[in-house]
Amino acid sequence: MAKPDNRKDNVERLQKMVENTKENIEAAEETMDNEHLTAPEKNAIEDKNERRQESIESFKAEIADEKEDRENGRI
């Protein structure tokens, strides 16, 4: 039997995901300072950080939805 959907901690969980993703972006930017990286490696890091930034925006939208549901008693 499947567990019931427990969304009570979704806002906090999503906020932690935003924090972790920001930390990953910062670490990747520090890695880009490595003079031994090739141009393709740097491009790959830049592309990944762009995707990470898009993820952060999605997380923030989901946080807003979850907060609204919480405020309206749907959670």
PDB file of N, CA and C in Angstrom:
ATOM      1  N   MET A   1       0.851  -1.181   0.000  1.00  0.00           N
ATOM      2  CA  MET A   1       0.000   0.000   0.000  1.00  0.00           C
ATOM      3  C   MET A   1       0.899   1.248   0.000  1.00  0.00           C
ATOM      4  N   ALA A   2       0.555   2.195  -0.816  1.00  0.00           N
ATOM      5  CA  ALA A   2       1.347   3.422  -0.939  1.00  0.00           C
ATOM      6  C   ALA A   2       1.150   4.315   0.282  1.00  0.00           C
ATOM      7  N   LYS A   3       2.215   5.034   0.607  1.00  0.00           N
ATOM      8  CA  LYS A   3       2.135   5.985   1.714  1.00  0.00           C
ATOM      9  C   LYS A   3       1.290   7.187   1.294  1.00  0.00           C
ATOM     10  N   PRO A   4       0.534   7.765   2.221  1.00  0.00           N
ATOM     11  CA  PRO A   4      -0.198   8.977   1.875  1.00  0.00           C
ATOM     12  C   PRO A   4       0.781  10.123   1.605  1.00  0.00           C
ATOM     13  N   ASP A   5       0.362  11.049   0.756  1.00  0.00           N
ATOM     14  CA  ASP A   5       1.198  12.195   0.400  1.00  0.00           C
ATOM     15  C   ASP A   5       1.290  13.140   1.592  1.00  0.00           C
ATOM     16  N   ASN A   6       2.508  13.292   2.147  1.00  0.00           N
ATOM     17  CA  ASN A   6       2.715  14.192   3.274  1.00  0.00           C
ATOM     18  C   ASN A   6       3.502  15.399   2.773  1.00  0.00           C
ATOM     19  N   ARG A   7       2.809  16.509   2.611  1.00  0.00           N
ATOM     20  CA  ARG A   7       3.420  17.707   2.049  1.00  0.00           C
ATOM     21  C   ARG A   7       3.734  18.744   3.116  1.00  0.00           C
ATOM     22  N   LYS A   8       3.617  18.398   4.370  1.00  0.00           N
ATOM     23  CA  LYS A   8       3.790  19.379   5.433  1.00  0.00           C
ATOM     24  C   LYS A   8       5.177  20.003   5.474  1.00  0.00           C
ATOM     25  N   ASP A   9       6.202  19.273   5.061  1.00  0.00           N
ATOM     26  CA  ASP A   9       7.558  19.814   5.117  1.00  0.00           C
ATOM     27  C   ASP A   9       8.112  20.178   3.734  1.00  0.00           C
ATOM     28  N   ASN A  10       7.246  20.251   2.730  1.00  0.00           N
ATOM     29  CA  ASN A  10       7.718  20.529   1.367  1.00  0.00           C
ATOM     30  C   ASN A  10       8.412  21.876   1.250  1.00  0.00           C
ATOM     31  N   VAL A  11       7.895  22.914   1.894  1.00  0.00           N
ATOM     32  CA  VAL A  11       8.504  24.238   1.790  1.00  0.00           C
ATOM     33  C   VAL A  11       9.929  24.182   2.320  1.00  0.00           C
ATOM     34  N   GLU A  12      10.107  23.593   3.469  1.00  0.00           N
ATOM     35  CA  GLU A  12      11.437  23.505   4.069  1.00  0.00           C
ATOM     36  C   GLU A  12      12.370  22.634   3.222  1.00  0.00           C
ATOM     37  N   ARG A  13      11.841  21.549   2.719  1.00  0.00           N
ATOM     38  CA  ARG A  13      12.636  20.646   1.881  1.00  0.00           C
ATOM     39  C   ARG A  13      13.067  21.364   0.603  1.00  0.00           C
ATOM     40  N   LEU A  14      12.160  22.091  -0.011  1.00  0.00           N
ATOM     41  CA  LEU A  14      12.485  22.823  -1.238  1.00  0.00           C
ATOM     42  C   LEU A  14      13.479  23.952  -0.967  1.00  0.00           C
ATOM     43  N   GLN A  15      13.337  24.624   0.161  1.00  0.00           N
ATOM     44  CA  GLN A  15      14.279  25.686   0.507  1.00  0.00           C
ATOM     45  C   GLN A  15      15.685  25.118   0.686  1.00  0.00           C
ATOM     46  N   LYS A  16      15.779  23.936   1.275  1.00  0.00           N
ATOM     47  CA  LYS A  16      17.076  23.273   1.436  1.00  0.00           C
ATOM     48  C   LYS A  16      17.657  22.911   0.066  1.00  0.00           C
ATOM     49  N   MET A  17      16.795  22.497  -0.857  1.00  0.00           N
ATOM     50  CA  MET A  17      17.252  22.173  -2.199  1.00  0.00           C
ATOM     51  C   MET A  17      17.797  23.424  -2.897  1.00  0.00           C
ATOM     52  N   VAL A  18      17.153  24.569  -2.682  1.00  0.00           N
ATOM     53  CA  VAL A  18      17.637  25.832  -3.252  1.00  0.00           C
ATOM     54  C   VAL A  18      19.022  26.145  -2.687  1.00  0.00           C
ATOM     55  N   GLU A  19      19.168  26.017  -1.366  1.00  0.00           N
ATOM     56  CA  GLU A  19      20.461  26.284  -0.730  1.00  0.00           C
ATOM     57  C   GLU A  19      21.553  25.367  -1.283  1.00  0.00           C
ATOM     58  N   ASN A  20      21.257  24.090  -1.386  1.00  0.00           N
ATOM     59  CA  ASN A  20      22.234  23.126  -1.894  1.00  0.00           C
ATOM     60  C   ASN A  20      22.626  23.432  -3.332  1.00  0.00           C
ATOM     61  N   THR A  21      21.649  23.808  -4.137  1.00  0.00           N
ATOM     62  CA  THR A  21      21.923  24.115  -5.534  1.00  0.00           C
ATOM     63  C   THR A  21      22.787  25.368  -5.655  1.00  0.00           C
ATOM     64  N   LYS A  22      22.514  26.368  -4.819  1.00  0.00           N
ATOM     65  CA  LYS A  22      23.344  27.576  -4.821  1.00  0.00           C
ATOM     66  C   LYS A  22      24.781  27.239  -4.428  1.00  0.00           C
ATOM     67  N   GLU A  23      24.942  26.362  -3.446  1.00  0.00           N
ATOM     68  CA  GLU A  23      26.280  25.936  -3.029  1.00  0.00           C
ATOM     69  C   GLU A  23      26.996  25.215  -4.178  1.00  0.00           C
ATOM     70  N   ASN A  24      26.255  24.400  -4.934  1.00  0.00           N
ATOM     71  CA  ASN A  24      26.851  23.701  -6.072  1.00  0.00           C
ATOM     72  C   ASN A  24      27.285  24.686  -7.154  1.00  0.00           C
ATOM     73  N   ILE A  25      26.499  25.740  -7.360  1.00  0.00           N
ATOM     74  CA  ILE A  25      26.868  26.765  -8.336  1.00  0.00           C
ATOM     75  C   ILE A  25      28.167  27.443  -7.897  1.00  0.00           C
ATOM     76  N   GLU A  26      28.240  27.801  -6.632  1.00  0.00           N
ATOM     77  CA  GLU A  26      29.443  28.463  -6.115  1.00  0.00           C
ATOM     78  C   GLU A  26      30.672  27.560  -6.248  1.00  0.00           C
ATOM     79  N   ALA A  27      30.516  26.294  -5.922  1.00  0.00           N
ATOM     80  CA  ALA A  27      31.643  25.359  -6.025  1.00  0.00           C
ATOM     81  C   ALA A  27      32.087  25.213  -7.484  1.00  0.00           C
ATOM     82  N   ALA A  28      31.126  25.173  -8.392  1.00  0.00           N
ATOM     83  CA  ALA A  28      31.464  25.051  -9.804  1.00  0.00           C
ATOM     84  C   ALA A  28      32.181  26.301 -10.298  1.00  0.00           C
ATOM     85  N   GLU A  29      31.756  27.465  -9.822  1.00  0.00           N
ATOM     86  CA  GLU A  29      32.426  28.707 -10.214  1.00  0.00           C
ATOM     87  C   GLU A  29      33.864  28.737  -9.704  1.00  0.00           C
ATOM     88  N   GLU A  30      34.080  28.217  -8.510  1.00  0.00           N
ATOM     89  CA  GLU A  30      35.443  28.132  -7.989  1.00  0.00           C
ATOM     90  C   GLU A  30      36.278  27.178  -8.843  1.00  0.00           C
ATOM     91  N   THR A  31      35.673  26.093  -9.268  1.00  0.00           N
ATOM     92  CA  THR A  31      36.368  25.130 -10.115  1.00  0.00           C
ATOM     93  C   THR A  31      36.781  25.770 -11.435  1.00  0.00           C
ATOM     94  N   MET A  32      35.975  26.684 -11.934  1.00  0.00           N
ATOM     95  CA  MET A  32      36.275  27.328 -13.216  1.00  0.00           C
ATOM     96  C   MET A  32      37.537  28.183 -13.145  1.00  0.00           C
ATOM     97  N   ASP A  33      37.968  28.532 -11.937  1.00  0.00           N
ATOM     98  CA  ASP A  33      39.204  29.293 -11.774  1.00  0.00           C
ATOM     99  C   ASP A  33      40.443  28.438 -12.029  1.00  0.00           C
ATOM    100  N   ASN A  34      40.251  27.140 -12.129  1.00  0.00           N
ATOM    101  CA  ASN A  34      41.369  26.223 -12.372  1.00  0.00           C
ATOM    102  C   ASN A  34      41.911  26.457 -13.774  1.00  0.00           C
ATOM    103  N   GLU A  35      43.159  26.830 -13.861  1.00  0.00           N
ATOM    104  CA  GLU A  35      43.763  27.158 -15.153  1.00  0.00           C
ATOM    105  C   GLU A  35      43.981  25.936 -16.042  1.00  0.00           C
ATOM    106  N   HIS A  36      43.838  24.746 -15.488  1.00  0.00           N
ATOM    107  CA  HIS A  36      44.071  23.529 -16.255  1.00  0.00           C
ATOM    108  C   HIS A  36      42.805  23.027 -16.957  1.00  0.00           C
ATOM    109  N   LEU A  37      41.682  23.701 -16.738  1.00  0.00           N
ATOM    110  CA  LEU A  37      40.447  23.289 -17.405  1.00  0.00           C
ATOM    111  C   LEU A  37      40.492  23.690 -18.872  1.00  0.00           C
ATOM    112  N   THR A  38      39.969  22.821 -19.699  1.00  0.00           N
ATOM    113  CA  THR A  38      39.882  23.133 -21.127  1.00  0.00           C
ATOM    114  C   THR A  38      38.636  23.982 -21.383  1.00  0.00           C
ATOM    115  N   ALA A  39      38.591  24.598 -22.533  1.00  0.00           N
ATOM    116  CA  ALA A  39      37.416  25.401 -22.899  1.00  0.00           C
ATOM    117  C   ALA A  39      36.132  24.562 -22.886  1.00  0.00           C
ATOM    118  N   PRO A  40      36.146  23.339 -23.435  1.00  0.00           N
ATOM    119  CA  PRO A  40      34.923  22.525 -23.375  1.00  0.00           C
ATOM    120  C   PRO A  40      34.496  22.200 -21.937  1.00  0.00           C
ATOM    121  N   GLU A  41      35.465  21.989 -21.060  1.00  0.00           N
ATOM    122  CA  GLU A  41      35.130  21.712 -19.657  1.00  0.00           C
ATOM    123  C   GLU A  41      34.495  22.938 -19.017  1.00  0.00           C
ATOM    124  N   LYS A  42      35.039  24.109 -19.305  1.00  0.00           N
ATOM    125  CA  LYS A  42      34.465  25.340 -18.759  1.00  0.00           C
ATOM    126  C   LYS A  42      33.069  25.578 -19.311  1.00  0.00           C
ATOM    127  N   ASN A  43      32.885  25.305 -20.605  1.00  0.00           N
ATOM    128  CA  ASN A  43      31.558  25.456 -21.202  1.00  0.00           C
ATOM    129  C   ASN A  43      30.557  24.504 -20.564  1.00  0.00           C
ATOM    130  N   ALA A  44      30.991  23.288 -20.277  1.00  0.00           N
ATOM    131  CA  ALA A  44      30.104  22.311 -19.647  1.00  0.00           C
ATOM    132  C   ALA A  44      29.690  22.782 -18.256  1.00  0.00           C
ATOM    133  N   ILE A  45      30.624  23.355 -17.519  1.00  0.00           N
ATOM    134  CA  ILE A  45      30.320  23.874 -16.181  1.00  0.00           C
ATOM    135  C   ILE A  45      29.344  25.043 -16.288  1.00  0.00           C
ATOM    136  N   GLU A  46      29.582  25.934 -17.236  1.00  0.00           N
ATOM    137  CA  GLU A  46      28.679  27.068 -17.426  1.00  0.00           C
ATOM    138  C   GLU A  46      27.274  26.600 -17.778  1.00  0.00           C
ATOM    139  N   ASP A  47      27.174  25.610 -18.670  1.00  0.00           N
ATOM    140  CA  ASP A  47      25.870  25.065 -19.061  1.00  0.00           C
ATOM    141  C   ASP A  47      25.161  24.443 -17.863  1.00  0.00           C
ATOM    142  N   LYS A  48      25.925  23.707 -17.074  1.00  0.00           N
ATOM    143  CA  LYS A  48      25.320  23.057 -15.906  1.00  0.00           C
ATOM    144  C   LYS A  48      24.840  24.097 -14.898  1.00  0.00           C
ATOM    145  N   ASN A  49      25.611  25.163 -14.714  1.00  0.00           N
ATOM    146  CA  ASN A  49      25.188  26.211 -13.793  1.00  0.00           C
ATOM    147  C   ASN A  49      23.937  26.926 -14.299  1.00  0.00           C
ATOM    148  N   GLU A  50      23.796  27.069 -15.607  1.00  0.00           N
ATOM    149  CA  GLU A  50      22.569  27.645 -16.161  1.00  0.00           C
ATOM    150  C   GLU A  50      21.372  26.754 -15.823  1.00  0.00           C
ATOM    151  N   ARG A  51      21.556  25.452 -15.979  1.00  0.00           N
ATOM    152  CA  ARG A  51      20.467  24.523 -15.638  1.00  0.00           C
ATOM    153  C   ARG A  51      20.168  24.563 -14.144  1.00  0.00           C
ATOM    154  N   ARG A  52      21.216  24.696 -13.343  1.00  0.00           N
ATOM    155  CA  ARG A  52      21.014  24.796 -11.898  1.00  0.00           C
ATOM    156  C   ARG A  52      20.203  26.048 -11.562  1.00  0.00           C
ATOM    157  N   GLN A  53      20.513  27.164 -12.232  1.00  0.00           N
ATOM    158  CA  GLN A  53      19.781  28.400 -11.979  1.00  0.00           C
ATOM    159  C   GLN A  53      18.313  28.240 -12.374  1.00  0.00           C
ATOM    160  N   GLU A  54      18.053  27.547 -13.471  1.00  0.00           N
ATOM    161  CA  GLU A  54      16.676  27.272 -13.883  1.00  0.00           C
ATOM    162  C   GLU A  54      15.967  26.417 -12.833  1.00  0.00           C
ATOM    163  N   SER A  55      16.683  25.467 -12.268  1.00  0.00           N
ATOM    164  CA  SER A  55      16.105  24.623 -11.216  1.00  0.00           C
ATOM    165  C   SER A  55      15.731  25.458 -10.003  1.00  0.00           C
ATOM    166  N   ILE A  56      16.598  26.396  -9.651  1.00  0.00           N
ATOM    167  CA  ILE A  56      16.319  27.259  -8.505  1.00  0.00           C
ATOM    168  C   ILE A  56      15.030  28.035  -8.742  1.00  0.00           C
ATOM    169  N   GLU A  57      14.847  28.559  -9.945  1.00  0.00           N
ATOM    170  CA  GLU A  57      13.628  29.312 -10.262  1.00  0.00           C
ATOM    171  C   GLU A  57      12.403  28.406 -10.146  1.00  0.00           C
ATOM    172  N   SER A  58      12.527  27.166 -10.602  1.00  0.00           N
ATOM    173  CA  SER A  58      11.417  26.212 -10.482  1.00  0.00           C
ATOM    174  C   SER A  58      11.125  25.893  -9.025  1.00  0.00           C
ATOM    175  N   PHE A  59      12.181  25.703  -8.231  1.00  0.00           N
ATOM    176  CA  PHE A  59      11.992  25.438  -6.805  1.00  0.00           C
ATOM    177  C   PHE A  59      11.260  26.593  -6.147  1.00  0.00           C
ATOM    178  N   LYS A  60      11.650  27.827  -6.493  1.00  0.00           N
ATOM    179  CA  LYS A  60      11.023  29.000  -5.885  1.00  0.00           C
ATOM    180  C   LYS A  60       9.541  29.084  -6.242  1.00  0.00           C
ATOM    181  N   ALA A  61       9.203  28.750  -7.479  1.00  0.00           N
ATOM    182  CA  ALA A  61       7.791  28.744  -7.884  1.00  0.00           C
ATOM    183  C   ALA A  61       7.023  27.679  -7.106  1.00  0.00           C
ATOM    184  N   GLU A  62       7.644  26.531  -6.936  1.00  0.00           N
ATOM    185  CA  GLU A  62       6.998  25.447  -6.189  1.00  0.00           C
ATOM    186  C   GLU A  62       6.850  25.823  -4.713  1.00  0.00           C
ATOM    187  N   ILE A  63       7.846  26.509  -4.166  1.00  0.00           N
ATOM    188  CA  ILE A  63       7.754  26.979  -2.779  1.00  0.00           C
ATOM    189  C   ILE A  63       6.566  27.915  -2.629  1.00  0.00           C
ATOM    190  N   ALA A  64       6.399  28.832  -3.573  1.00  0.00           N
ATOM    191  CA  ALA A  64       5.277  29.773  -3.519  1.00  0.00           C
ATOM    192  C   ALA A  64       3.947  29.020  -3.566  1.00  0.00           C
ATOM    193  N   ASP A  65       3.845  28.016  -4.429  1.00  0.00           N
ATOM    194  CA  ASP A  65       2.620  27.211  -4.510  1.00  0.00           C
ATOM    195  C   ASP A  65       2.355  26.479  -3.203  1.00  0.00           C
ATOM    196  N   GLU A  66       3.398  25.887  -2.646  1.00  0.00           N
ATOM    197  CA  GLU A  66       3.238  25.146  -1.394  1.00  0.00           C
ATOM    198  C   GLU A  66       2.835  26.078  -0.252  1.00  0.00           C
ATOM    199  N   LYS A  67       3.429  27.264  -0.202  1.00  0.00           N
ATOM    200  CA  LYS A  67       3.064  28.226   0.843  1.00  0.00           C
ATOM    201  C   LYS A  67       1.606  28.636   0.705  1.00  0.00           C
ATOM    202  N   GLU A  68       1.166  28.851  -0.519  1.00  0.00           N
ATOM    203  CA  GLU A  68      -0.232  29.224  -0.753  1.00  0.00           C
ATOM    204  C   GLU A  68      -1.160  28.099  -0.306  1.00  0.00           C
ATOM    205  N   ASP A  69      -0.827  26.872  -0.656  1.00  0.00           N
ATOM    206  CA  ASP A  69      -1.643  25.735  -0.231  1.00  0.00           C
ATOM    207  C   ASP A  69      -1.670  25.634   1.296  1.00  0.00           C
ATOM    208  N   ARG A  70      -0.539  25.886   1.924  1.00  0.00           N
ATOM    209  CA  ARG A  70      -0.456  25.834   3.384  1.00  0.00           C
ATOM    210  C   ARG A  70      -1.344  26.917   4.010  1.00  0.00           C
ATOM    211  N   GLU A  71      -1.266  28.124   3.454  1.00  0.00           N
ATOM    212  CA  GLU A  71      -2.061  29.246   3.978  1.00  0.00           C
ATOM    213  C   GLU A  71      -3.562  29.029   3.781  1.00  0.00           C
ATOM    214  N   ASN A  72      -3.921  28.324   2.708  1.00  0.00           N
ATOM    215  CA  ASN A  72      -5.333  28.090   2.405  1.00  0.00           C
ATOM    216  C   ASN A  72      -5.849  26.770   2.978  1.00  0.00           C
ATOM    217  N   GLY A  73      -5.041  26.129   3.811  1.00  0.00           N
ATOM    218  CA  GLY A  73      -5.459  24.913   4.503  1.00  0.00           C
ATOM    219  C   GLY A  73      -5.551  23.689   3.632  1.00  0.00           C
ATOM    220  N   ARG A  74      -4.890  23.689   2.504  1.00  0.00           N
ATOM    221  CA  ARG A  74      -4.928  22.505   1.629  1.00  0.00           C
ATOM    222  C   ARG A  74      -3.867  21.485   1.983  1.00  0.00           C
ATOM    223  N   ILE A  75      -3.043  21.832   2.965  1.00  0.00           N
ATOM    224  CA  ILE A  75      -2.011  20.887   3.437  1.00  0.00           C
ATOM    225  C   ILE A  75      -2.290  20.599   4.895  1.00  0.00           C
TER     226      ILE A  75
END
